[in-house]
Amino acid sequence: MAELSIISVLAATIIGMVLGGLWYSPLLFGNAWMKCIGKTPETLGSQTAPMIGSIIASAMMAIGVSLLFYIANVTEVKTAVSIGAILGLLVIFPALLSDNLFCGWGNQLLLIQAGYRAISVFLMCLATYFT
């Protein structure tokens, strides 16, 4: 990756949002997630503000990955994979683990939340490399 690319940022943002839509749907972990947070589809309320926030958060992650790849001059897929794994498993997961320990979310919610974030940033790294 020789330069910052808006296409890479957009692709990574979209991947993060699509994964989130699937991850938190009843198809995957949506029902378990709602149970963990004590909500039902009826009590979730309007999702407009959270969705806007999620789009912004996904875009910020995509920009961060793109900047990291630019600074590190990532030119090999193995480097992209390594950065994705490091960010997901050694940055994101421990941060959410610490929050979990202090907030008492429980292991299931930790794995749902951290799993989404770790896989999302990993896929964003791949998208950034290949676009």
Protein backbone atom coordinates (compact mmCIF):
# COMPACT_ATOMS: atom_id res chain seq x y z
CA MET A 1 0.00 0.00 0.00
CA ALA A 2 1.76 3.12 -1.22
CA GLU A 3 -0.87 5.71 -0.39
CA LEU A 4 -4.05 6.29 1.56
CA SER A 5 -7.07 5.21 -0.42
CA ILE A 6 -10.65 6.36 0.01
CA ILE A 7 -11.71 3.14 -1.73
CA SER A 8 -9.91 1.10 0.95
CA VAL A 9 -11.53 3.11 3.73
CA LEU A 10 -14.99 2.76 2.18
CA ALA A 11 -14.53 -0.97 1.56
CA ALA A 12 -13.32 -1.58 5.12
CA THR A 13 -16.16 0.52 6.56
CA ILE A 14 -18.75 -1.41 4.57
CA ILE A 15 -17.22 -4.74 5.60
CA GLY A 16 -17.42 -3.70 9.25
CA MET A 17 -21.06 -2.70 8.89
CA VAL A 18 -22.07 -5.83 6.97
CA LEU A 19 -20.34 -8.04 9.52
CA GLY A 20 -22.09 -6.15 12.33
CA GLY A 21 -25.45 -6.56 10.64
CA LEU A 22 -24.90 -10.31 10.38
CA TRP A 23 -23.20 -10.72 13.75
CA TYR A 24 -25.99 -9.03 15.71
CA SER A 25 -28.82 -10.55 13.67
CA PRO A 26 -30.88 -13.52 14.87
CA LEU A 27 -28.97 -15.55 12.27
CA LEU A 28 -25.79 -15.39 14.39
CA PHE A 29 -25.57 -13.81 17.86
CA GLY A 30 -28.40 -11.26 17.97
CA ASN A 31 -30.67 -13.24 20.29
CA ALA A 32 -27.85 -14.15 22.67
CA TRP A 33 -26.60 -10.54 22.63
CA MET A 34 -30.05 -9.16 23.48
CA LYS A 35 -30.39 -11.69 26.30
CA CYS A 36 -26.98 -10.66 27.68
CA ILE A 37 -27.94 -6.98 27.74
CA GLY A 38 -31.43 -7.68 29.05
CA LYS A 39 -33.30 -6.44 25.98
CA THR A 40 -35.86 -7.75 23.54
CA PRO A 41 -36.60 -6.51 20.02
CA GLU A 42 -39.50 -4.55 21.52
CA THR A 43 -37.38 -2.85 24.21
CA LEU A 44 -34.40 -1.94 22.02
CA GLY A 45 -36.08 1.28 20.94
CA SER A 46 -35.05 3.35 17.96
CA GLN A 47 -31.85 2.13 16.36
CA THR A 48 -31.21 5.26 14.30
CA ALA A 49 -28.70 6.91 16.65
CA PRO A 50 -26.83 3.66 17.41
CA MET A 51 -26.61 2.85 13.69
CA ILE A 52 -25.23 6.31 12.89
CA GLY A 53 -22.72 5.89 15.72
CA SER A 54 -21.78 2.45 14.41
CA ILE A 55 -21.17 3.80 10.92
CA ILE A 56 -18.94 6.52 12.35
CA ALA A 57 -17.08 4.00 14.56
CA SER A 58 -16.60 1.62 11.63
CA ALA A 59 -15.28 4.46 9.46
CA MET A 60 -12.89 5.54 12.22
CA MET A 61 -11.56 1.99 12.53
CA ALA A 62 -11.17 1.78 8.74
CA ILE A 63 -9.28 5.10 8.69
CA GLY A 64 -7.07 3.90 11.55
CA VAL A 65 -6.24 0.66 9.74
CA SER A 66 -5.55 2.55 6.52
CA LEU A 67 -3.23 5.01 8.31
CA LEU A 68 -1.42 2.17 10.06
CA PHE A 69 -0.91 0.36 6.75
CA TYR A 70 0.35 3.58 5.18
CA ILE A 71 2.79 4.33 8.00
CA ALA A 72 4.02 0.72 8.10
CA ASN A 73 4.18 0.58 4.30
CA VAL A 74 2.37 -2.75 4.22
CA THR A 75 3.18 -4.51 0.94
CA GLU A 76 2.70 -8.19 1.79
CA VAL A 77 -0.46 -10.09 2.66
CA LYS A 78 1.28 -11.85 5.57
CA THR A 79 1.94 -8.45 7.13
CA ALA A 80 -1.70 -7.46 6.67
CA VAL A 81 -2.83 -10.73 8.28
CA SER A 82 -0.36 -10.28 11.14
CA ILE A 83 -1.49 -6.72 11.83
CA GLY A 84 -5.14 -7.82 11.77
CA ALA A 85 -4.45 -10.61 14.24
CA ILE A 86 -2.39 -8.38 16.51
CA LEU A 87 -5.01 -5.62 16.56
CA GLY A 88 -7.85 -8.06 17.16
CA LEU A 89 -6.28 -10.39 19.70
CA LEU A 90 -3.72 -8.19 21.46
CA VAL A 91 -5.33 -4.74 21.36
CA ILE A 92 -9.11 -5.00 21.02
CA PHE A 93 -9.76 -8.20 23.00
CA PRO A 94 -7.70 -7.16 26.07
CA ALA A 95 -9.35 -3.73 26.13
CA LEU A 96 -12.81 -5.30 26.13
CA LEU A 97 -11.67 -7.95 28.63
CA SER A 98 -10.66 -5.20 31.05
CA ASP A 99 -14.02 -3.46 30.57
CA ASN A 100 -15.77 -6.80 31.12
CA LEU A 101 -13.91 -7.46 34.36
CA PHE A 102 -14.84 -4.06 35.78
CA CYS A 103 -18.41 -3.97 34.44
CA GLY A 104 -19.30 -7.60 35.06
CA TRP A 105 -20.79 -8.19 31.62
CA GLY A 106 -20.20 -11.92 31.70
CA ASN A 107 -18.15 -14.12 29.43
CA GLN A 108 -20.83 -14.62 26.78
CA LEU A 109 -21.24 -10.89 26.16
CA LEU A 110 -17.46 -10.44 26.19
CA LEU A 111 -17.04 -13.10 23.51
CA ILE A 112 -19.87 -11.68 21.38
CA GLN A 113 -18.61 -8.10 21.58
CA ALA A 114 -14.89 -8.83 21.34
CA GLY A 115 -15.43 -11.46 18.65
CA TYR A 116 -17.21 -8.95 16.45
CA ARG A 117 -14.59 -6.26 16.96
CA ALA A 118 -11.61 -8.59 16.48
CA ILE A 119 -12.99 -10.21 13.34
CA SER A 120 -14.11 -6.83 12.02
CA VAL A 121 -10.66 -5.26 12.32
CA PHE A 122 -9.07 -8.40 10.87
CA LEU A 123 -11.34 -8.24 7.81
CA MET A 124 -10.73 -4.50 7.54
CA CYS A 125 -7.00 -5.23 7.35
CA LEU A 126 -7.58 -7.68 4.51
CA ALA A 127 -9.87 -5.22 2.70
CA THR A 128 -7.32 -2.44 3.09
CA TYR A 129 -4.56 -4.63 1.71
CA PHE A 130 -6.54 -5.91 -1.29
CA THR A 131 -8.11 -2.58 -2.35
